[in-house]
Amino acid sequence: MYPESSKDCWLLRISQDKSECYEDSYLEWLGEQIMDMGCQGIEFKEYEWLAFFNNEATAIEAKIFLEYFASNLNMEIQNFPRRNWNKLWEQEYQPTILFNGQIFVRAPHHIKHPFPKAEPKLDILIKPGMGFGTGHHPTTAIILESLMNVPLRSKNLLDWGCGSGILAIAASKLGAQEIYAIDIDADALENARENFLLNSITQYHLMEPHALKESKMYFDIILANINRNTLLDLAEEITGYAKNNTKLFLSGFYIEDAAMLMSCYTTKGWSFTSQKQLSNWCLLEFCKL
């Protein structure tokens, strides 16, 4: 995720009555629309969303849009000074247990492990902050699952749009040798840096995209969990960091956008290898020819 800096943050708290619930596919479409408007992240709960914005005008625009297309939703805009953003995340953020307990994502204040019988393969600490990626969102979860099934030992990996750093941290814990994580937002990079340290990871490269160009690196594995439009715009640039047999994992978009992205990346010399879906969200895997 690529949020812009701002002095204050705004939360649009959205809820729906149990008796008047919209279909999940429709709610996901609404979520995609407000992300395109400039929403910086959405935390989904059973009957409630928490949508975060960097300015009040965008939050109001999203609220007006939702009132028009989903009049049964209850909505409230709240303002939080930047210093209270982390406190809000800590209040709302719950641990995430994925894939039958194989992956446990938690904040520092959560207990280490709630399962008495077996340790998770991955125990990831994420400090709530401005970086997108807590394991709750289907796109984060689906890439984490894919990483569990990819040989990473001795590989070098690029996480494009790293947010909180969760995917790069998982890759490091799974044996990736050299990690590069990039984001255009300074707050996300700082949050990722804190999370690398929380997970006792000291060998990593964290930077803005322009600095990566100076490295002249080529990667074995590239992850990009962003959004449809940004992935389309970045296709040429991402391809520039690939070599023969580089594996590419794209997510952050809906299943109906898969064909568009597949067409775009195959024209850049990528061979499509597999597709996964979680809820209505999609992951595409490619290999560089």
C-alpha atoms as a PDB file:
ATOM      1  CA  MET A   1       0.000   0.000   0.000  1.00  0.00           C
ATOM      2  CA  TYR A   2       1.177   3.480  -0.849  1.00  0.00           C
ATOM      3  CA  PRO A   3      -0.333   6.081   1.535  1.00  0.00           C
ATOM      4  CA  GLU A   4       0.663   9.716   1.392  1.00  0.00           C
ATOM      5  CA  SER A   5       1.875  11.529   4.477  1.00  0.00           C
ATOM      6  CA  SER A   6      -0.638  13.534   6.481  1.00  0.00           C
ATOM      7  CA  LYS A   7      -0.812  15.247   9.835  1.00  0.00           C
ATOM      8  CA  ASP A   8      -4.065  13.588  10.877  1.00  0.00           C
ATOM      9  CA  CYS A   9      -5.841  10.366   9.969  1.00  0.00           C
ATOM     10  CA  TRP A  10      -9.541   9.697   9.494  1.00  0.00           C
ATOM     11  CA  LEU A  11     -11.451   6.527  10.213  1.00  0.00           C
ATOM     12  CA  LEU A  12     -14.712   5.724   8.459  1.00  0.00           C
ATOM     13  CA  ARG A  13     -16.425   3.171  10.678  1.00  0.00           C
ATOM     14  CA  ILE A  14     -18.966   1.187   8.661  1.00  0.00           C
ATOM     15  CA  SER A  15     -21.420  -1.356  10.044  1.00  0.00           C
ATOM     16  CA  GLN A  16     -24.485  -3.247   8.858  1.00  0.00           C
ATOM     17  CA  ASP A  17     -27.406  -4.782  10.697  1.00  0.00           C
ATOM     18  CA  LYS A  18     -27.418  -8.577  10.842  1.00  0.00           C
ATOM     19  CA  SER A  19     -30.972  -8.616   9.487  1.00  0.00           C
ATOM     20  CA  GLU A  20     -30.098  -6.475   6.432  1.00  0.00           C
ATOM     21  CA  CYS A  21     -26.725  -7.799   5.287  1.00  0.00           C
ATOM     22  CA  TYR A  22     -25.417  -7.220   1.794  1.00  0.00           C
ATOM     23  CA  GLU A  23     -23.853 -10.050  -0.204  1.00  0.00           C
ATOM     24  CA  ASP A  24     -20.095 -10.450   0.384  1.00  0.00           C
ATOM     25  CA  SER A  25     -19.364  -9.939  -3.316  1.00  0.00           C
ATOM     26  CA  TYR A  26     -21.203  -6.598  -3.253  1.00  0.00           C
ATOM     27  CA  LEU A  27     -19.373  -5.455  -0.118  1.00  0.00           C
ATOM     28  CA  GLU A  28     -16.061  -6.402  -1.726  1.00  0.00           C
ATOM     29  CA  TRP A  29     -16.969  -4.346  -4.795  1.00  0.00           C
ATOM     30  CA  LEU A  30     -17.782  -1.374  -2.551  1.00  0.00           C
ATOM     31  CA  GLY A  31     -14.441  -1.837  -0.816  1.00  0.00           C
ATOM     32  CA  GLU A  32     -12.624  -1.785  -4.144  1.00  0.00           C
ATOM     33  CA  GLN A  33     -14.354   1.475  -5.102  1.00  0.00           C
ATOM     34  CA  ILE A  34     -13.351   3.333  -1.946  1.00  0.00           C
ATOM     35  CA  MET A  35      -9.789   1.988  -2.231  1.00  0.00           C
ATOM     36  CA  ASP A  36      -9.678   3.554  -5.694  1.00  0.00           C
ATOM     37  CA  MET A  37     -10.884   6.826  -4.135  1.00  0.00           C
ATOM     38  CA  GLY A  38      -7.858   6.908  -1.839  1.00  0.00           C
ATOM     39  CA  CYS A  39      -8.701   4.734   1.165  1.00  0.00           C
ATOM     40  CA  GLN A  40      -5.392   3.648   2.737  1.00  0.00           C
ATOM     41  CA  GLY A  41      -6.599   0.354   4.180  1.00  0.00           C
ATOM     42  CA  ILE A  42      -9.678  -1.562   5.228  1.00  0.00           C
ATOM     43  CA  GLU A  43      -9.973  -3.895   8.194  1.00  0.00           C
ATOM     44  CA  PHE A  44     -12.864  -6.304   7.641  1.00  0.00           C
ATOM     45  CA  LYS A  45     -14.871  -7.760  10.506  1.00  0.00           C
ATOM     46  CA  GLU A  46     -18.053  -9.817  10.446  1.00  0.00           C
ATOM     47  CA  TYR A  47     -20.504  -6.914  10.511  1.00  0.00           C
ATOM     48  CA  GLU A  48     -18.131  -3.956  10.520  1.00  0.00           C
ATOM     49  CA  TRP A  49     -15.420  -2.334   8.392  1.00  0.00           C
ATOM     50  CA  LEU A  50     -12.751   0.099   9.495  1.00  0.00           C
ATOM     51  CA  ALA A  51     -11.651   2.208   6.517  1.00  0.00           C
ATOM     52  CA  PHE A  52      -8.634   4.508   7.011  1.00  0.00           C
ATOM     53  CA  PHE A  53      -7.969   7.755   5.152  1.00  0.00           C
ATOM     54  CA  ASN A  54      -5.235  10.381   5.123  1.00  0.00           C
ATOM     55  CA  ASN A  55      -7.596  13.327   4.643  1.00  0.00           C
ATOM     56  CA  GLU A  56     -11.112  14.235   5.661  1.00  0.00           C
ATOM     57  CA  ALA A  57     -12.299  15.131   2.156  1.00  0.00           C
ATOM     58  CA  THR A  58     -11.620  11.618   0.849  1.00  0.00           C
ATOM     59  CA  ALA A  59     -13.352  10.056   3.849  1.00  0.00           C
ATOM     60  CA  ILE A  60     -16.422  12.224   3.226  1.00  0.00           C
ATOM     61  CA  GLU A  61     -16.375  11.355  -0.486  1.00  0.00           C
ATOM     62  CA  ALA A  62     -16.288   7.653   0.354  1.00  0.00           C
ATOM     63  CA  LYS A  63     -19.122   8.040   2.857  1.00  0.00           C
ATOM     64  CA  ILE A  64     -21.304   9.817   0.277  1.00  0.00           C
ATOM     65  CA  PHE A  65     -20.557   7.098  -2.276  1.00  0.00           C
ATOM     66  CA  LEU A  66     -21.477   4.337   0.173  1.00  0.00           C
ATOM     67  CA  GLU A  67     -24.665   6.130   1.235  1.00  0.00           C
ATOM     68  CA  TYR A  68     -25.747   6.188  -2.413  1.00  0.00           C
ATOM     69  CA  PHE A  69     -24.898   2.574  -3.260  1.00  0.00           C
ATOM     70  CA  ALA A  70     -25.598   0.938   0.132  1.00  0.00           C
ATOM     71  CA  SER A  71     -28.144   2.988   2.035  1.00  0.00           C
ATOM     72  CA  ASN A  72     -28.553   0.363   4.783  1.00  0.00           C
ATOM     73  CA  LEU A  73     -24.995   0.813   6.027  1.00  0.00           C
ATOM     74  CA  ASN A  74     -24.365   2.756   9.233  1.00  0.00           C
ATOM     75  CA  MET A  75     -21.384   5.096   8.975  1.00  0.00           C
ATOM     76  CA  GLU A  76     -19.413   7.463  11.171  1.00  0.00           C
ATOM     77  CA  ILE A  77     -16.253   9.466  10.427  1.00  0.00           C
ATOM     78  CA  GLN A  78     -13.750   9.894  13.261  1.00  0.00           C
ATOM     79  CA  ASN A  79     -10.598  12.017  13.282  1.00  0.00           C
ATOM     80  CA  PHE A  80      -7.405  10.766  14.910  1.00  0.00           C
ATOM     81  CA  PRO A  81      -4.168  12.732  15.250  1.00  0.00           C
ATOM     82  CA  ARG A  82      -1.256  10.805  13.723  1.00  0.00           C
ATOM     83  CA  ARG A  83       0.143  10.003  17.170  1.00  0.00           C
ATOM     84  CA  ASN A  84      -3.057   8.068  17.977  1.00  0.00           C
ATOM     85  CA  TRP A  85      -3.098   5.956  14.807  1.00  0.00           C
ATOM     86  CA  ASN A  86      -1.050   3.140  16.369  1.00  0.00           C
ATOM     87  CA  LYS A  87      -3.184   3.220  19.503  1.00  0.00           C
ATOM     88  CA  LEU A  88      -6.305   2.781  17.383  1.00  0.00           C
ATOM     89  CA  TRP A  89      -4.775  -0.175  15.535  1.00  0.00           C
ATOM     90  CA  GLU A  90      -3.803  -1.784  18.842  1.00  0.00           C
ATOM     91  CA  GLN A  91      -7.376  -1.471  20.087  1.00  0.00           C
ATOM     92  CA  GLU A  92      -8.870  -2.983  16.919  1.00  0.00           C
ATOM     93  CA  TYR A  93      -6.182  -5.441  15.807  1.00  0.00           C
ATOM     94  CA  GLN A  94      -6.674  -9.093  16.717  1.00  0.00           C
ATOM     95  CA  PRO A  95      -4.236 -11.988  16.145  1.00  0.00           C
ATOM     96  CA  THR A  96      -4.600 -13.866  12.866  1.00  0.00           C
ATOM     97  CA  ILE A  97      -4.440 -17.644  12.662  1.00  0.00           C
ATOM     98  CA  LEU A  98      -4.033 -18.980   9.129  1.00  0.00           C
ATOM     99  CA  PHE A  99      -4.020 -22.403   7.465  1.00  0.00           C
ATOM    100  CA  ASN A 100      -4.934 -24.625  10.409  1.00  0.00           C
ATOM    101  CA  GLY A 101      -2.526 -22.917  12.757  1.00  0.00           C
ATOM    102  CA  GLN A 102       0.531 -23.071  10.458  1.00  0.00           C
ATOM    103  CA  ILE A 103       0.816 -19.256  10.475  1.00  0.00           C
ATOM    104  CA  PHE A 104       0.202 -17.050  13.518  1.00  0.00           C
ATOM    105  CA  VAL A 105       0.356 -13.260  13.039  1.00  0.00           C
ATOM    106  CA  ARG A 106       0.186 -11.222  16.232  1.00  0.00           C
ATOM    107  CA  ALA A 107       1.038  -7.872  17.770  1.00  0.00           C
ATOM    108  CA  PRO A 108       3.713  -7.605  20.499  1.00  0.00           C
ATOM    109  CA  HIS A 109       1.045  -7.330  23.211  1.00  0.00           C
ATOM    110  CA  HIS A 110      -0.635 -10.616  22.226  1.00  0.00           C
ATOM    111  CA  ILE A 111       0.243 -13.902  23.896  1.00  0.00           C
ATOM    112  CA  LYS A 112       2.901 -15.863  22.026  1.00  0.00           C
ATOM    113  CA  HIS A 113       0.924 -18.921  21.094  1.00  0.00           C
ATOM    114  CA  PRO A 114      -2.676 -19.973  21.868  1.00  0.00           C
ATOM    115  CA  PHE A 115      -2.328 -23.602  20.745  1.00  0.00           C
ATOM    116  CA  PRO A 116      -1.139 -26.127  23.333  1.00  0.00           C
ATOM    117  CA  LYS A 117      -0.500 -29.006  20.883  1.00  0.00           C
ATOM    118  CA  ALA A 118       1.659 -27.654  18.065  1.00  0.00           C
ATOM    119  CA  GLU A 119       3.837 -24.668  17.321  1.00  0.00           C
ATOM    120  CA  PRO A 120       2.999 -22.756  14.120  1.00  0.00           C
ATOM    121  CA  LYS A 121       5.475 -22.990  11.273  1.00  0.00           C
ATOM    122  CA  LEU A 122       5.501 -19.193  11.167  1.00  0.00           C
ATOM    123  CA  ASP A 123       5.059 -16.914  14.189  1.00  0.00           C
ATOM    124  CA  ILE A 124       5.108 -13.331  12.898  1.00  0.00           C
ATOM    125  CA  LEU A 125       5.080 -10.203  15.032  1.00  0.00           C
ATOM    126  CA  ILE A 126       3.510  -7.096  13.480  1.00  0.00           C
ATOM    127  CA  LYS A 127       3.385  -3.816  15.371  1.00  0.00           C
ATOM    128  CA  PRO A 128       0.215  -1.921  14.454  1.00  0.00           C
ATOM    129  CA  GLY A 129       1.171   1.098  12.399  1.00  0.00           C
ATOM    130  CA  MET A 130       0.842   2.898   9.076  1.00  0.00           C
ATOM    131  CA  GLY A 131       1.991  -0.067   6.971  1.00  0.00           C
ATOM    132  CA  PHE A 132      -0.657  -2.219   5.274  1.00  0.00           C
ATOM    133  CA  GLY A 133      -0.464  -5.932   6.104  1.00  0.00           C
ATOM    134  CA  THR A 134      -1.639  -7.673   9.260  1.00  0.00           C
ATOM    135  CA  GLY A 135      -2.636 -11.018   7.767  1.00  0.00           C
ATOM    136  CA  HIS A 136      -6.349 -10.265   8.034  1.00  0.00           C
ATOM    137  CA  HIS A 137      -6.869  -9.291   4.416  1.00  0.00           C
ATOM    138  CA  PRO A 138      -7.367 -12.168   1.932  1.00  0.00           C
ATOM    139  CA  THR A 139      -4.638 -10.879  -0.404  1.00  0.00           C
ATOM    140  CA  THR A 140      -2.032 -10.999   2.372  1.00  0.00           C
ATOM    141  CA  ALA A 141      -3.229 -14.424   3.468  1.00  0.00           C
ATOM    142  CA  ILE A 142      -3.179 -15.912  -0.031  1.00  0.00           C
ATOM    143  CA  ILE A 143       0.429 -14.816  -0.653  1.00  0.00           C
ATOM    144  CA  LEU A 144       1.503 -16.133   2.755  1.00  0.00           C
ATOM    145  CA  GLU A 145       0.003 -19.497   1.825  1.00  0.00           C
ATOM    146  CA  SER A 146       1.849 -19.477  -1.504  1.00  0.00           C
ATOM    147  CA  LEU A 147       5.161 -18.668   0.193  1.00  0.00           C
ATOM    148  CA  MET A 148       4.718 -21.728   2.401  1.00  0.00           C
ATOM    149  CA  ASN A 149       4.841 -23.885  -0.749  1.00  0.00           C
ATOM    150  CA  VAL A 150       7.767 -22.235  -2.548  1.00  0.00           C
ATOM    151  CA  PRO A 151      11.421 -23.259  -2.002  1.00  0.00           C
ATOM    152  CA  LEU A 152      12.926 -20.062  -0.611  1.00  0.00           C
ATOM    153  CA  ARG A 153      16.224 -21.209   0.864  1.00  0.00           C
ATOM    154  CA  SER A 154      19.183 -19.326  -0.629  1.00  0.00           C
ATOM    155  CA  LYS A 155      16.852 -17.250  -2.839  1.00  0.00           C
ATOM    156  CA  ASN A 156      16.813 -13.470  -3.094  1.00  0.00           C
ATOM    157  CA  LEU A 157      13.387 -11.857  -2.916  1.00  0.00           C
ATOM    158  CA  LEU A 158      11.815  -8.483  -3.670  1.00  0.00           C
ATOM    159  CA  ASP A 159       8.654  -7.354  -1.851  1.00  0.00           C
ATOM    160  CA  TRP A 160       7.246  -4.460  -3.892  1.00  0.00           C
ATOM    161  CA  GLY A 161       4.903  -2.276  -1.817  1.00  0.00           C
ATOM    162  CA  CYS A 162       5.967  -3.948   1.419  1.00  0.00           C
ATOM    163  CA  GLY A 163       3.671  -2.035   3.800  1.00  0.00           C
ATOM    164  CA  SER A 164       4.196  -3.524   7.257  1.00  0.00           C
ATOM    165  CA  GLY A 165       6.823  -5.912   5.897  1.00  0.00           C
ATOM    166  CA  ILE A 166       4.768  -9.004   6.709  1.00  0.00           C
ATOM    167  CA  LEU A 167       5.469 -10.840   3.437  1.00  0.00           C
ATOM    168  CA  ALA A 168       9.188 -10.100   3.472  1.00  0.00           C
ATOM    169  CA  ILE A 169       9.366 -11.184   7.126  1.00  0.00           C
ATOM    170  CA  ALA A 170       7.602 -14.458   6.303  1.00  0.00           C
ATOM    171  CA  ALA A 171       9.994 -15.064   3.403  1.00  0.00           C
ATOM    172  CA  SER A 172      12.994 -14.462   5.636  1.00  0.00           C
ATOM    173  CA  LYS A 173      11.685 -16.874   8.264  1.00  0.00           C
ATOM    174  CA  LEU A 174      11.163 -19.452   5.503  1.00  0.00           C
ATOM    175  CA  GLY A 175      14.798 -19.240   4.474  1.00  0.00           C
ATOM    176  CA  ALA A 176      15.130 -16.532   1.822  1.00  0.00           C
ATOM    177  CA  GLN A 177      18.746 -15.412   1.783  1.00  0.00           C
ATOM    178  CA  GLU A 178      18.525 -11.782   0.704  1.00  0.00           C
ATOM    179  CA  ILE A 179      15.442  -9.607   1.207  1.00  0.00           C
ATOM    180  CA  TYR A 180      14.687  -6.326  -0.522  1.00  0.00           C
ATOM    181  CA  ALA A 181      11.493  -4.531   0.574  1.00  0.00           C
ATOM    182  CA  ILE A 182      10.347  -1.291  -1.018  1.00  0.00           C
ATOM    183  CA  ASP A 183       7.537   1.206  -0.502  1.00  0.00           C
ATOM    184  CA  ILE A 184       7.001   4.827  -1.477  1.00  0.00           C
ATOM    185  CA  ASP A 185       5.637   5.805   1.940  1.00  0.00           C
ATOM    186  CA  ALA A 186       8.080   6.764   4.692  1.00  0.00           C
ATOM    187  CA  ASP A 187       5.689   5.734   7.496  1.00  0.00           C
ATOM    188  CA  ALA A 188       5.270   2.265   5.999  1.00  0.00           C
ATOM    189  CA  LEU A 189       9.036   1.865   5.704  1.00  0.00           C
ATOM    190  CA  GLU A 190       9.510   2.871   9.331  1.00  0.00           C
ATOM    191  CA  ASN A 191       6.790   0.433  10.419  1.00  0.00           C
ATOM    192  CA  ALA A 192       8.427  -2.330   8.358  1.00  0.00           C
ATOM    193  CA  ARG A 193      11.809  -1.559   9.924  1.00  0.00           C
ATOM    194  CA  GLU A 194      10.300  -1.930  13.414  1.00  0.00           C
ATOM    195  CA  ASN A 195       8.688  -5.219  12.413  1.00  0.00           C
ATOM    196  CA  PHE A 196      11.929  -6.648  11.019  1.00  0.00           C
ATOM    197  CA  LEU A 197      13.581  -5.927  14.357  1.00  0.00           C
ATOM    198  CA  LEU A 198      10.657  -7.372  16.330  1.00  0.00           C
ATOM    199  CA  ASN A 199      11.134 -10.603  14.391  1.00  0.00           C
ATOM    200  CA  SER A 200      14.920 -10.612  14.991  1.00  0.00           C
ATOM    201  CA  ILE A 201      15.639 -10.164  11.286  1.00  0.00           C
ATOM    202  CA  THR A 202      18.765  -8.111  10.735  1.00  0.00           C
ATOM    203  CA  GLN A 203      19.692  -8.971   7.133  1.00  0.00           C
ATOM    204  CA  TYR A 204      17.383  -6.951   4.883  1.00  0.00           C
ATOM    205  CA  HIS A 205      17.345  -3.973   2.528  1.00  0.00           C
ATOM    206  CA  LEU A 206      14.525  -1.472   3.046  1.00  0.00           C
ATOM    207  CA  MET A 207      14.159   1.464   0.663  1.00  0.00           C
ATOM    208  CA  GLU A 208      12.061   3.561  -1.687  1.00  0.00           C
ATOM    209  CA  PRO A 209      11.716   2.318  -5.288  1.00  0.00           C
ATOM    210  CA  HIS A 210      14.097   4.892  -6.781  1.00  0.00           C
ATOM    211  CA  ALA A 211      16.914   3.614  -4.533  1.00  0.00           C
ATOM    212  CA  LEU A 212      16.379   0.055  -5.787  1.00  0.00           C
ATOM    213  CA  LYS A 213      17.349   1.123  -9.309  1.00  0.00           C
ATOM    214  CA  GLU A 214      20.866   1.860  -8.055  1.00  0.00           C
ATOM    215  CA  SER A 215      21.252  -1.713  -6.758  1.00  0.00           C
ATOM    216  CA  LYS A 216      21.073  -3.222 -10.279  1.00  0.00           C
ATOM    217  CA  MET A 217      19.637  -6.362  -8.675  1.00  0.00           C
ATOM    218  CA  TYR A 218      17.791  -9.252 -10.300  1.00  0.00           C
ATOM    219  CA  PHE A 219      15.564 -11.410  -8.126  1.00  0.00           C
ATOM    220  CA  ASP A 220      14.586 -15.066  -7.863  1.00  0.00           C
ATOM    221  CA  ILE A 221      11.176 -14.161  -6.437  1.00  0.00           C
ATOM    222  CA  ILE A 222       9.120 -10.959  -6.690  1.00  0.00           C
ATOM    223  CA  LEU A 223       5.993 -10.250  -4.612  1.00  0.00           C
ATOM    224  CA  ALA A 224       3.612  -7.393  -5.429  1.00  0.00           C
ATOM    225  CA  ASN A 225       0.443  -7.128  -3.347  1.00  0.00           C
ATOM    226  CA  ILE A 226      -0.843  -3.689  -4.341  1.00  0.00           C
ATOM    227  CA  ASN A 227      -3.924  -3.047  -6.515  1.00  0.00           C
ATOM    228  CA  ARG A 228      -4.978  -3.586 -10.112  1.00  0.00           C
ATOM    229  CA  ASN A 229      -4.174  -0.173 -11.535  1.00  0.00           C
ATOM    230  CA  THR A 230      -0.775   0.122  -9.861  1.00  0.00           C
ATOM    231  CA  LEU A 231       0.195  -3.394 -10.958  1.00  0.00           C
ATOM    232  CA  LEU A 232      -0.691  -2.492 -14.534  1.00  0.00           C
ATOM    233  CA  ASP A 233       1.353   0.710 -14.325  1.00  0.00           C
ATOM    234  CA  LEU A 234       4.355  -1.092 -12.795  1.00  0.00           C
ATOM    235  CA  ALA A 235       4.473  -4.066 -15.186  1.00  0.00           C
ATOM    236  CA  GLU A 236       7.455  -2.776 -17.162  1.00  0.00           C
ATOM    237  CA  GLU A 237       9.375  -1.679 -14.071  1.00  0.00           C
ATOM    238  CA  ILE A 238       8.782  -4.922 -12.166  1.00  0.00           C
ATOM    239  CA  THR A 239       9.878  -6.933 -15.201  1.00  0.00           C
ATOM    240  CA  GLY A 240      13.164  -5.027 -15.209  1.00  0.00           C
ATOM    241  CA  TYR A 241      14.172  -6.804 -11.962  1.00  0.00           C
ATOM    242  CA  ALA A 242      13.493 -10.313 -13.281  1.00  0.00           C
ATOM    243  CA  LYS A 243      15.852 -12.898 -14.727  1.00  0.00           C
ATOM    244  CA  ASN A 244      15.278 -16.305 -16.297  1.00  0.00           C
ATOM    245  CA  ASN A 245      12.969 -18.412 -14.100  1.00  0.00           C
ATOM    246  CA  THR A 246      12.089 -15.559 -11.708  1.00  0.00           C
ATOM    247  CA  LYS A 247       8.798 -16.328  -9.961  1.00  0.00           C
ATOM    248  CA  LEU A 248       6.305 -13.467  -9.694  1.00  0.00           C
ATOM    249  CA  PHE A 249       3.314 -13.358  -7.350  1.00  0.00           C
ATOM    250  CA  LEU A 250       0.713 -10.644  -7.980  1.00  0.00           C
ATOM    251  CA  SER A 251      -2.256  -9.932  -5.727  1.00  0.00           C
ATOM    252  CA  GLY A 252      -4.373  -7.056  -4.444  1.00  0.00           C
ATOM    253  CA  PHE A 253      -7.147  -7.342  -7.030  1.00  0.00           C
ATOM    254  CA  TYR A 254     -10.449  -9.107  -7.642  1.00  0.00           C
ATOM    255  CA  ILE A 255     -10.950 -12.273  -9.659  1.00  0.00           C
ATOM    256  CA  GLU A 256     -12.639 -10.342 -12.466  1.00  0.00           C
ATOM    257  CA  ASP A 257      -9.415  -8.346 -12.988  1.00  0.00           C
ATOM    258  CA  ALA A 258      -7.248 -11.446 -13.436  1.00  0.00           C
ATOM    259  CA  ALA A 259      -7.571 -11.644 -17.228  1.00  0.00           C
ATOM    260  CA  MET A 260      -6.493  -8.013 -17.650  1.00  0.00           C
ATOM    261  CA  LEU A 261      -3.385  -8.496 -15.514  1.00  0.00           C
ATOM    262  CA  MET A 262      -2.578 -11.830 -17.118  1.00  0.00           C
ATOM    263  CA  SER A 263      -2.665 -10.236 -20.552  1.00  0.00           C
ATOM    264  CA  CYS A 264      -0.506  -7.307 -19.439  1.00  0.00           C
ATOM    265  CA  TYR A 265       2.242  -9.408 -17.852  1.00  0.00           C
ATOM    266  CA  THR A 266       2.406 -12.109 -20.523  1.00  0.00           C
ATOM    267  CA  THR A 267       3.163  -9.381 -23.066  1.00  0.00           C
ATOM    268  CA  LYS A 268       6.199  -8.511 -20.891  1.00  0.00           C
ATOM    269  CA  GLY A 269       7.634 -12.009 -21.250  1.00  0.00           C
ATOM    270  CA  TRP A 270       6.054 -13.693 -18.233  1.00  0.00           C
ATOM    271  CA  SER A 271       4.580 -17.181 -18.466  1.00  0.00           C
ATOM    272  CA  PHE A 272       1.400 -17.685 -16.431  1.00  0.00           C
ATOM    273  CA  THR A 273       1.678 -20.718 -14.114  1.00  0.00           C
ATOM    274  CA  SER A 274      -1.200 -20.679 -11.627  1.00  0.00           C
ATOM    275  CA  GLN A 275      -4.124 -18.770 -10.139  1.00  0.00           C
ATOM    276  CA  LYS A 276      -5.552 -18.864  -6.620  1.00  0.00           C
ATOM    277  CA  GLN A 277      -8.633 -17.302  -5.125  1.00  0.00           C
ATOM    278  CA  LEU A 278      -9.667 -16.439  -1.575  1.00  0.00           C
ATOM    279  CA  SER A 279     -13.113 -14.923  -1.187  1.00  0.00           C
ATOM    280  CA  ASN A 280     -13.321 -12.804  -4.340  1.00  0.00           C
ATOM    281  CA  TRP A 281      -9.641 -11.838  -4.238  1.00  0.00           C
ATOM    282  CA  CYS A 282      -7.101 -13.298  -6.615  1.00  0.00           C
ATOM    283  CA  LEU A 283      -3.427 -14.230  -6.835  1.00  0.00           C
ATOM    284  CA  LEU A 284      -1.598 -14.809 -10.123  1.00  0.00           C
ATOM    285  CA  GLU A 285       1.729 -16.610 -10.329  1.00  0.00           C
ATOM    286  CA  PHE A 286       4.105 -16.211 -13.275  1.00  0.00           C
ATOM    287  CA  CYS A 287       7.544 -17.432 -14.284  1.00  0.00           C
ATOM    288  CA  LYS A 288       9.928 -15.328 -16.377  1.00  0.00           C
ATOM    289  CA  LEU A 289      10.878 -16.912 -19.678  1.00  0.00           C
END
